[in-house]
Amino acid sequence: MEPIYLKWENKMAELNSRTQTSANKGPFELGTSSKQRIGFQFAEQFVRMKVELAFITGLARSLAISSALIALTIICFTQNLLIMLLTLGVILAVVISLLGFYVIWGSLQVRI
């Protein structure tokens, strides 16, 4: 079984050979339809960027869901809006400060 990057390189070479009409045009410069403008991204930075964006999106969603559940639970059991707001604020402050420490630690690791 050939590695995945060889499959992509073979696919790209096939696309170049099928769509190339002159010496200076490749598959990205032909036509205006979306089927004629096909591209593949190979760069390692692209994969890292997609993972980081997925992490940030997932983090925001999880914080929103957990905050809503915390607020609902505390308001049901204590029936006190002030206690719910204080508790939610403290929990979010702890989580956000932990994330901040991860960012600081990551930037220190890069410099070392």
N, C-alpha and C. Protein backbone atom coordinates (compact mmCIF):
# COMPACT_ATOMS: atom_id res chain seq x y z
N MET A 1 0.84 -1.18 0.00
CA MET A 1 0.00 0.00 0.00
C MET A 1 0.89 1.24 0.00
N GLU A 2 0.63 2.15 -0.94
CA GLU A 2 1.47 3.34 -1.03
C GLU A 2 1.04 4.39 -0.01
N PRO A 3 1.99 5.20 0.44
CA PRO A 3 1.66 6.24 1.42
C PRO A 3 0.67 7.25 0.85
N ILE A 4 -0.04 7.94 1.74
CA ILE A 4 -1.09 8.86 1.33
C ILE A 4 -0.55 10.01 0.50
N TYR A 5 0.67 10.49 0.83
CA TYR A 5 1.19 11.61 0.07
C TYR A 5 1.49 11.22 -1.36
N LEU A 6 1.86 9.96 -1.59
CA LEU A 6 2.09 9.51 -2.97
C LEU A 6 0.78 9.43 -3.74
N LYS A 7 -0.29 9.04 -3.06
CA LYS A 7 -1.60 9.01 -3.72
C LYS A 7 -1.99 10.42 -4.16
N TRP A 8 -1.77 11.40 -3.28
CA TRP A 8 -2.13 12.78 -3.62
C TRP A 8 -1.23 13.30 -4.75
N GLU A 9 0.05 12.96 -4.71
CA GLU A 9 0.95 13.41 -5.78
C GLU A 9 0.55 12.79 -7.11
N ASN A 10 0.18 11.51 -7.09
CA ASN A 10 -0.26 10.86 -8.32
C ASN A 10 -1.55 11.49 -8.84
N LYS A 11 -2.47 11.79 -7.92
CA LYS A 11 -3.72 12.43 -8.32
C LYS A 11 -3.46 13.81 -8.91
N MET A 12 -2.55 14.57 -8.30
CA MET A 12 -2.22 15.90 -8.81
C MET A 12 -1.57 15.80 -10.18
N ALA A 13 -0.67 14.85 -10.37
CA ALA A 13 -0.03 14.67 -11.68
C ALA A 13 -1.06 14.30 -12.73
N GLU A 14 -2.02 13.45 -12.36
CA GLU A 14 -3.08 13.07 -13.28
C GLU A 14 -3.93 14.29 -13.67
N LEU A 15 -4.27 15.12 -12.68
CA LEU A 15 -5.04 16.32 -12.97
C LEU A 15 -4.26 17.28 -13.86
N ASN A 16 -2.97 17.43 -13.60
CA ASN A 16 -2.15 18.31 -14.43
C ASN A 16 -2.09 17.81 -15.86
N SER A 17 -1.93 16.52 -16.04
CA SER A 17 -1.82 15.99 -17.39
C SER A 17 -3.15 16.07 -18.13
N ARG A 18 -4.28 15.91 -17.45
CA ARG A 18 -5.59 15.97 -18.10
C ARG A 18 -6.01 17.39 -18.44
N THR A 19 -5.66 18.35 -17.60
CA THR A 19 -6.19 19.70 -17.78
C THR A 19 -5.21 20.69 -18.38
N GLN A 20 -3.99 20.27 -18.60
CA GLN A 20 -2.99 21.19 -19.10
C GLN A 20 -3.17 21.36 -20.60
N THR A 21 -3.41 22.61 -21.05
CA THR A 21 -3.60 22.87 -22.46
C THR A 21 -2.42 23.57 -23.09
N SER A 22 -1.66 24.30 -22.30
CA SER A 22 -0.45 24.95 -22.81
C SER A 22 0.64 24.82 -21.76
N ALA A 23 1.83 25.25 -22.10
CA ALA A 23 2.97 25.06 -21.20
C ALA A 23 2.85 25.85 -19.92
N ASN A 24 2.10 26.94 -19.91
CA ASN A 24 2.05 27.78 -18.72
C ASN A 24 0.73 27.68 -17.96
N LYS A 25 -0.16 26.78 -18.33
CA LYS A 25 -1.44 26.68 -17.63
C LYS A 25 -1.56 25.33 -16.93
N GLY A 26 -1.98 25.37 -15.69
CA GLY A 26 -2.22 24.16 -14.92
C GLY A 26 -3.69 24.06 -14.57
N PRO A 27 -4.08 23.16 -13.71
CA PRO A 27 -5.49 22.96 -13.40
C PRO A 27 -6.12 24.13 -12.66
N PHE A 28 -5.31 25.02 -12.09
CA PHE A 28 -5.85 26.13 -11.30
C PHE A 28 -6.20 27.33 -12.17
N GLU A 29 -5.74 27.34 -13.43
CA GLU A 29 -5.93 28.50 -14.28
C GLU A 29 -6.90 28.25 -15.42
N LEU A 30 -7.50 27.08 -15.50
CA LEU A 30 -8.37 26.75 -16.62
C LEU A 30 -9.83 26.97 -16.28
N GLY A 31 -10.56 27.56 -17.20
CA GLY A 31 -12.00 27.64 -17.11
C GLY A 31 -12.52 28.42 -15.93
N THR A 32 -13.83 28.52 -15.88
CA THR A 32 -14.46 29.24 -14.78
C THR A 32 -15.36 28.35 -13.95
N SER A 33 -15.63 27.15 -14.40
CA SER A 33 -16.51 26.29 -13.60
C SER A 33 -15.74 25.72 -12.42
N SER A 34 -16.47 25.37 -11.37
CA SER A 34 -15.82 24.87 -10.17
C SER A 34 -15.20 23.50 -10.39
N LYS A 35 -15.72 22.72 -11.33
CA LYS A 35 -15.14 21.40 -11.58
C LYS A 35 -13.79 21.51 -12.27
N GLN A 36 -13.56 22.60 -12.99
CA GLN A 36 -12.28 22.76 -13.68
C GLN A 36 -11.22 23.37 -12.77
N ARG A 37 -11.62 24.00 -11.68
CA ARG A 37 -10.67 24.59 -10.75
C ARG A 37 -10.56 23.71 -9.51
N ILE A 38 -9.81 22.65 -9.62
CA ILE A 38 -9.66 21.69 -8.53
C ILE A 38 -8.25 21.85 -7.96
N GLY A 39 -8.14 21.90 -6.64
CA GLY A 39 -6.83 22.00 -6.03
C GLY A 39 -6.73 21.14 -4.79
N PHE A 40 -5.53 20.74 -4.46
CA PHE A 40 -5.28 19.95 -3.26
C PHE A 40 -4.24 20.68 -2.42
N GLN A 41 -4.40 20.62 -1.12
CA GLN A 41 -3.47 21.29 -0.22
C GLN A 41 -2.58 20.24 0.44
N PHE A 42 -1.27 20.39 0.27
CA PHE A 42 -0.32 19.42 0.80
C PHE A 42 0.43 19.92 2.02
N ALA A 43 0.50 21.22 2.21
CA ALA A 43 1.40 21.81 3.20
C ALA A 43 1.06 21.35 4.61
N GLU A 44 2.09 21.11 5.41
CA GLU A 44 1.89 20.73 6.81
C GLU A 44 1.25 21.85 7.60
N GLN A 45 1.52 23.10 7.22
CA GLN A 45 0.93 24.23 7.92
C GLN A 45 -0.58 24.26 7.75
N PHE A 46 -1.07 23.82 6.59
CA PHE A 46 -2.51 23.80 6.36
C PHE A 46 -3.19 22.83 7.33
N VAL A 47 -2.60 21.67 7.52
CA VAL A 47 -3.17 20.69 8.44
C VAL A 47 -3.15 21.24 9.86
N ARG A 48 -2.05 21.85 10.25
CA ARG A 48 -1.96 22.43 11.59
C ARG A 48 -3.00 23.52 11.77
N MET A 49 -3.18 24.36 10.75
CA MET A 49 -4.16 25.44 10.82
C MET A 49 -5.57 24.89 10.96
N LYS A 50 -5.89 23.84 10.21
CA LYS A 50 -7.22 23.25 10.31
C LYS A 50 -7.46 22.64 11.69
N VAL A 51 -6.44 22.00 12.26
CA VAL A 51 -6.56 21.42 13.60
C VAL A 51 -6.74 22.52 14.64
N GLU A 52 -5.97 23.60 14.50
CA GLU A 52 -6.11 24.70 15.47
C GLU A 52 -7.48 25.35 15.38
N LEU A 53 -7.99 25.53 14.17
CA LEU A 53 -9.33 26.11 14.02
C LEU A 53 -10.40 25.18 14.59
N ALA A 54 -10.25 23.88 14.37
CA ALA A 54 -11.21 22.93 14.94
C ALA A 54 -11.13 22.93 16.47
N PHE A 55 -9.92 23.07 17.01
CA PHE A 55 -9.76 23.13 18.46
C PHE A 55 -10.45 24.36 19.04
N ILE A 56 -10.24 25.51 18.41
CA ILE A 56 -10.85 26.75 18.89
C ILE A 56 -12.36 26.69 18.80
N THR A 57 -12.88 26.18 17.69
CA THR A 57 -14.33 26.05 17.53
C THR A 57 -14.90 25.10 18.57
N GLY A 58 -14.26 23.97 18.76
CA GLY A 58 -14.73 23.01 19.76
C GLY A 58 -14.66 23.56 21.17
N LEU A 59 -13.60 24.32 21.44
CA LEU A 59 -13.45 24.93 22.76
C LEU A 59 -14.56 25.94 23.04
N ALA A 60 -14.86 26.77 22.05
CA ALA A 60 -15.93 27.75 22.23
C ALA A 60 -17.28 27.07 22.44
N ARG A 61 -17.54 26.03 21.67
CA ARG A 61 -18.81 25.30 21.82
C ARG A 61 -18.89 24.62 23.19
N SER A 62 -17.81 24.01 23.61
CA SER A 62 -17.84 23.31 24.89
C SER A 62 -17.99 24.28 26.05
N LEU A 63 -17.35 25.45 25.96
CA LEU A 63 -17.52 26.45 27.00
C LEU A 63 -18.96 26.96 27.05
N ALA A 64 -19.56 27.15 25.90
CA ALA A 64 -20.94 27.63 25.86
C ALA A 64 -21.90 26.59 26.44
N ILE A 65 -21.73 25.34 26.05
CA ILE A 65 -22.61 24.28 26.54
C ILE A 65 -22.43 24.06 28.04
N SER A 66 -21.17 24.00 28.48
CA SER A 66 -20.93 23.77 29.91
C SER A 66 -21.41 24.96 30.75
N SER A 67 -21.25 26.17 30.24
CA SER A 67 -21.75 27.34 30.97
C SER A 67 -23.27 27.30 31.12
N ALA A 68 -23.94 26.93 30.04
CA ALA A 68 -25.41 26.84 30.11
C ALA A 68 -25.85 25.75 31.09
N LEU A 69 -25.16 24.62 31.07
CA LEU A 69 -25.53 23.53 31.99
C LEU A 69 -25.22 23.90 33.44
N ILE A 70 -24.10 24.56 33.66
CA ILE A 70 -23.76 25.01 35.02
C ILE A 70 -24.81 25.98 35.54
N ALA A 71 -25.16 26.95 34.70
CA ALA A 71 -26.16 27.95 35.10
C ALA A 71 -27.50 27.30 35.39
N LEU A 72 -27.92 26.40 34.53
CA LEU A 72 -29.21 25.72 34.72
C LEU A 72 -29.21 24.87 35.99
N THR A 73 -28.15 24.14 36.22
CA THR A 73 -28.07 23.29 37.39
C THR A 73 -28.08 24.10 38.69
N ILE A 74 -27.27 25.12 38.73
CA ILE A 74 -27.17 25.91 39.97
C ILE A 74 -28.46 26.67 40.23
N ILE A 75 -29.07 27.20 39.17
CA ILE A 75 -30.31 27.95 39.38
C ILE A 75 -31.44 27.01 39.82
N CYS A 76 -31.41 25.75 39.35
CA CYS A 76 -32.44 24.78 39.77
C CYS A 76 -32.27 24.40 41.24
N PHE A 77 -31.03 24.18 41.65
CA PHE A 77 -30.83 23.69 43.01
C PHE A 77 -30.82 24.80 44.06
N THR A 78 -30.28 25.98 43.72
CA THR A 78 -30.21 27.03 44.74
C THR A 78 -31.33 28.05 44.61
N GLN A 79 -31.87 28.19 43.42
CA GLN A 79 -32.90 29.20 43.12
C GLN A 79 -32.44 30.59 43.53
N ASN A 80 -31.16 30.84 43.31
CA ASN A 80 -30.58 32.13 43.66
C ASN A 80 -29.73 32.60 42.48
N LEU A 81 -30.15 33.68 41.87
CA LEU A 81 -29.47 34.19 40.67
C LEU A 81 -28.06 34.69 40.99
N LEU A 82 -27.88 35.33 42.13
CA LEU A 82 -26.56 35.86 42.49
C LEU A 82 -25.53 34.74 42.68
N ILE A 83 -25.92 33.68 43.38
CA ILE A 83 -25.01 32.54 43.58
C ILE A 83 -24.67 31.89 42.24
N MET A 84 -25.67 31.78 41.36
CA MET A 84 -25.43 31.19 40.04
C MET A 84 -24.43 32.03 39.24
N LEU A 85 -24.59 33.34 39.25
CA LEU A 85 -23.68 34.21 38.50
C LEU A 85 -22.27 34.18 39.08
N LEU A 86 -22.15 34.20 40.39
CA LEU A 86 -20.82 34.14 41.02
C LEU A 86 -20.13 32.81 40.72
N THR A 87 -20.86 31.72 40.85
CA THR A 87 -20.27 30.40 40.58
C THR A 87 -19.86 30.27 39.12
N LEU A 88 -20.72 30.70 38.23
CA LEU A 88 -20.41 30.64 36.80
C LEU A 88 -19.19 31.50 36.48
N GLY A 89 -19.11 32.67 37.09
CA GLY A 89 -17.96 33.54 36.87
C GLY A 89 -16.66 32.93 37.36
N VAL A 90 -16.70 32.32 38.54
CA VAL A 90 -15.49 31.70 39.09
C VAL A 90 -15.05 30.51 38.23
N ILE A 91 -15.99 29.69 37.83
CA ILE A 91 -15.63 28.52 37.00
C ILE A 91 -15.06 28.96 35.67
N LEU A 92 -15.68 29.93 35.02
CA LEU A 92 -15.16 30.43 33.74
C LEU A 92 -13.79 31.09 33.92
N ALA A 93 -13.59 31.80 35.02
CA ALA A 93 -12.29 32.42 35.27
C ALA A 93 -11.20 31.36 35.42
N VAL A 94 -11.50 30.28 36.12
CA VAL A 94 -10.52 29.20 36.29
C VAL A 94 -10.20 28.56 34.95
N VAL A 95 -11.22 28.25 34.16
CA VAL A 95 -10.99 27.59 32.86
C VAL A 95 -10.20 28.51 31.93
N ILE A 96 -10.58 29.78 31.87
CA ILE A 96 -9.89 30.70 30.97
C ILE A 96 -8.46 30.95 31.43
N SER A 97 -8.23 31.02 32.73
CA SER A 97 -6.85 31.20 33.20
C SER A 97 -6.00 29.96 32.91
N LEU A 98 -6.58 28.77 33.01
CA LEU A 98 -5.83 27.56 32.64
C LEU A 98 -5.46 27.58 31.17
N LEU A 99 -6.40 28.00 30.33
CA LEU A 99 -6.09 28.09 28.90
C LEU A 99 -5.01 29.13 28.65
N GLY A 100 -5.05 30.23 29.41
CA GLY A 100 -4.01 31.24 29.29
C GLY A 100 -2.64 30.70 29.69
N PHE A 101 -2.60 29.88 30.74
CA PHE A 101 -1.33 29.28 31.13
C PHE A 101 -0.80 28.33 30.06
N TYR A 102 -1.71 27.60 29.39
CA TYR A 102 -1.27 26.74 28.28
C TYR A 102 -0.64 27.57 27.17
N VAL A 103 -1.25 28.71 26.85
CA VAL A 103 -0.71 29.58 25.80
C VAL A 103 0.66 30.12 26.22
N ILE A 104 0.78 30.57 27.46
CA ILE A 104 2.06 31.09 27.94
C ILE A 104 3.11 29.99 27.93
N TRP A 105 2.75 28.81 28.40
CA TRP A 105 3.70 27.70 28.43
C TRP A 105 4.13 27.32 27.01
N GLY A 106 3.18 27.34 26.06
CA GLY A 106 3.52 27.03 24.66
C GLY A 106 4.46 28.05 24.07
N SER A 107 4.27 29.33 24.39
CA SER A 107 5.16 30.35 23.86
C SER A 107 6.55 30.26 24.50
N LEU A 108 6.61 29.84 25.76
CA LEU A 108 7.91 29.63 26.39
C LEU A 108 8.64 28.45 25.79
N GLN A 109 7.92 27.40 25.45
CA GLN A 109 8.53 26.21 24.86
C GLN A 109 9.12 26.53 23.50
N VAL A 110 8.47 27.41 22.74
CA VAL A 110 8.97 27.76 21.42
C VAL A 110 10.29 28.50 21.53
N ARG A 111 10.45 29.35 22.53
CA ARG A 111 11.66 30.15 22.70
C ARG A 111 12.83 29.33 23.21
N ILE A 112 12.55 28.27 23.95
CA ILE A 112 13.62 27.48 24.58
C ILE A 112 14.34 26.63 23.58
